[in-house]
Amino acid sequence: MAWWVIPAMVASTAVTVMGIQQQKKNLRANDAWRKYENELNFNYEKQKRLTEEKKRLSLARATSGASGAQMFTGSSLLVAQADIEEFETDMWYLEKGLWTKTQAQDAELAGEIANANFAIGQSLFSTAASVGTYQQNQKLLNSKGVVT
């Protein structure tokens, strides 16, 4: 019996498991980076929309003032309130977009890690089966008088 075969199988499996563990670390690091990038993009978009809304509201007030209408009475106030509510709704959806994107990424990461864990289990099971088969074959050969 070649004494080195079983240790070689175990060593090969250990290297495979270590490689998969490193892949899992990389998946987590990539996920953290994507979340950071999403957060940056969200904050950029939010700031851009806030600036645009501020300019739009200032222009609306200036236009209203130039026309001689009073801003704080009647329909002008209702229109401004409706615009602000619409803007707040847009901002809420922007924030929920970030949340849903994060949740989707979390689910994707969980699936990728589950696949990696499955691959580890599969590798360990395969090695155990290979070692068992190798030992059975060696016993069979020895019982027939074949020297290995």
Protein backbone atom coordinates (compact mmCIF):
# COMPACT_ATOMS: atom_id res chain seq x y z
CA MET A 1 0.00 0.00 0.00
CA ALA A 2 1.34 3.38 -0.94
CA TRP A 3 1.40 5.19 2.39
CA TRP A 4 1.30 8.63 0.81
CA VAL A 5 -1.99 8.31 -1.13
CA ILE A 6 -4.41 8.97 1.73
CA PRO A 7 -2.39 11.90 3.17
CA ALA A 8 -2.23 13.35 -0.36
CA MET A 9 -6.02 13.09 -0.69
CA VAL A 10 -6.50 14.78 2.67
CA ALA A 11 -3.96 17.50 1.81
CA SER A 12 -5.65 18.13 -1.52
CA THR A 13 -9.01 18.49 0.21
CA ALA A 14 -7.51 20.82 2.82
CA VAL A 15 -6.17 23.06 0.06
CA THR A 16 -9.56 23.03 -1.65
CA VAL A 17 -11.34 23.94 1.59
CA MET A 18 -8.87 26.76 2.29
CA GLY A 19 -9.40 28.09 -1.24
CA ILE A 20 -13.17 28.08 -0.78
CA GLN A 21 -12.82 29.81 2.59
CA GLN A 22 -10.76 32.51 0.87
CA GLN A 23 -13.45 32.85 -1.79
CA LYS A 24 -16.00 33.42 0.98
CA LYS A 25 -13.80 36.16 2.45
CA ASN A 26 -13.55 37.75 -1.00
CA LEU A 27 -17.34 37.56 -1.43
CA ARG A 28 -17.85 39.35 1.88
CA ALA A 29 -15.25 42.00 1.02
CA ASN A 30 -16.82 42.59 -2.40
CA ASP A 31 -20.24 42.86 -0.79
CA ALA A 32 -18.97 45.43 1.70
CA TRP A 33 -17.46 47.45 -1.13
CA ARG A 34 -20.69 47.32 -3.17
CA LYS A 35 -22.67 48.50 -0.14
CA TYR A 36 -20.23 51.36 0.37
CA GLU A 37 -20.47 52.30 -3.30
CA ASN A 38 -24.28 52.14 -3.17
CA GLU A 39 -24.29 54.38 -0.11
CA LEU A 40 -22.02 56.89 -1.85
CA ASN A 41 -24.22 56.88 -4.95
CA PHE A 42 -27.33 57.29 -2.80
CA ASN A 43 -25.86 60.25 -0.91
CA TYR A 44 -24.66 61.85 -4.15
CA GLU A 45 -28.08 61.46 -5.77
CA LYS A 46 -29.82 62.72 -2.63
CA GLN A 47 -27.61 65.81 -2.44
CA LYS A 48 -28.09 66.48 -6.14
CA ARG A 49 -31.88 66.27 -5.80
CA LEU A 50 -31.86 68.46 -2.69
CA THR A 51 -29.86 71.11 -4.53
CA GLU A 52 -32.17 70.95 -7.55
CA GLU A 53 -35.26 71.19 -5.33
CA LYS A 54 -33.80 74.14 -3.43
CA LYS A 55 -33.16 75.95 -6.72
CA ARG A 56 -36.62 75.09 -8.03
CA LEU A 57 -38.34 76.34 -4.87
CA SER A 58 -36.27 79.53 -4.89
CA LEU A 59 -37.19 80.15 -8.51
CA ALA A 60 -40.87 79.52 -7.74
CA ARG A 61 -40.77 82.01 -4.84
CA ALA A 62 -38.94 84.58 -6.94
CA THR A 63 -41.36 84.17 -9.84
CA SER A 64 -44.31 84.46 -7.50
CA GLY A 65 -42.83 87.55 -5.87
CA ALA A 66 -42.10 89.16 -9.22
CA SER A 67 -45.69 88.60 -10.33
CA GLY A 68 -46.99 90.43 -7.29
CA ALA A 69 -48.86 87.42 -5.92
CA GLN A 70 -48.63 86.77 -2.23
CA MET A 71 -46.78 83.52 -1.52
CA PHE A 72 -48.28 82.74 1.86
CA THR A 73 -51.96 82.80 1.02
CA GLY A 74 -54.37 80.74 -1.04
CA SER A 75 -53.46 78.49 -3.91
CA SER A 76 -49.78 79.48 -4.10
CA LEU A 77 -49.23 77.99 -0.67
CA LEU A 78 -51.15 74.84 -1.59
CA VAL A 79 -49.09 74.39 -4.76
CA ALA A 80 -45.85 74.83 -2.81
CA GLN A 81 -47.03 72.33 -0.18
CA ALA A 82 -47.95 69.80 -2.87
CA ASP A 83 -44.53 70.23 -4.49
CA ILE A 84 -42.76 69.68 -1.17
CA GLU A 85 -44.84 66.57 -0.44
CA GLU A 86 -44.05 65.19 -3.88
CA PHE A 87 -40.36 65.86 -3.33
CA GLU A 88 -40.48 64.14 0.08
CA THR A 89 -42.15 61.13 -1.54
CA ASP A 90 -39.41 61.02 -4.18
CA MET A 91 -36.76 61.12 -1.45
CA TRP A 92 -38.53 58.31 0.42
CA TYR A 93 -38.51 56.15 -2.73
CA LEU A 94 -34.85 56.97 -3.29
CA GLU A 95 -34.06 55.76 0.21
CA LYS A 96 -36.19 52.64 -0.21
CA GLY A 97 -34.35 51.96 -3.46
CA LEU A 98 -31.09 51.84 -1.51
CA TRP A 99 -32.70 49.57 1.08
CA THR A 100 -34.07 47.13 -1.51
CA LYS A 101 -30.76 47.06 -3.36
CA THR A 102 -28.97 46.26 -0.08
CA GLN A 103 -31.48 43.52 0.75
CA ALA A 104 -31.05 41.97 -2.70
CA GLN A 105 -27.27 42.05 -2.32
CA ASP A 106 -27.54 40.44 1.13
CA ALA A 107 -29.68 37.64 -0.31
CA GLU A 108 -27.23 37.17 -3.18
CA LEU A 109 -24.30 37.00 -0.77
CA ALA A 110 -26.11 34.49 1.42
CA GLY A 111 -26.71 32.31 -1.64
CA GLU A 112 -23.08 32.53 -2.73
CA ILE A 113 -21.86 31.63 0.76
CA ALA A 114 -24.33 28.74 0.95
CA ASN A 115 -22.97 27.47 -2.38
CA ALA A 116 -19.42 27.76 -1.05
CA ASN A 117 -20.36 25.87 2.12
CA PHE A 118 -22.00 23.20 -0.01
CA ALA A 119 -18.82 22.91 -2.08
CA ILE A 120 -16.80 22.43 1.12
CA GLY A 121 -19.15 19.68 2.29
CA GLN A 122 -19.10 18.08 -1.13
CA SER A 123 -15.30 18.11 -1.19
CA LEU A 124 -15.07 16.59 2.29
CA PHE A 125 -17.61 13.90 1.45
CA SER A 126 -15.90 13.13 -1.85
CA THR A 127 -12.54 12.76 -0.13
CA ALA A 128 -13.98 10.50 2.56
CA ALA A 129 -15.58 8.33 -0.12
CA SER A 130 -12.33 8.23 -2.12
CA VAL A 131 -10.31 7.24 0.95
CA GLY A 132 -12.83 4.49 1.74
CA THR A 133 -12.76 3.21 -1.84
CA TYR A 134 -8.97 3.30 -1.89
CA GLN A 135 -8.78 1.33 1.37
CA GLN A 136 -11.30 -1.25 0.11
CA ASN A 137 -9.38 -1.67 -3.13
CA GLN A 138 -6.15 -2.14 -1.20
CA LYS A 139 -7.74 -4.80 1.03
CA LEU A 140 -9.13 -6.56 -2.03
CA LEU A 141 -5.74 -6.55 -3.74
CA ASN A 142 -4.02 -7.77 -0.58
CA SER A 143 -6.54 -10.60 -0.17
CA LYS A 144 -5.74 -11.75 -3.72
CA GLY A 145 -2.04 -11.73 -2.93
CA VAL A 146 -1.17 -8.65 -4.97
CA VAL A 147 1.53 -6.62 -3.26
CA THR A 148 1.08 -2.87 -3.53
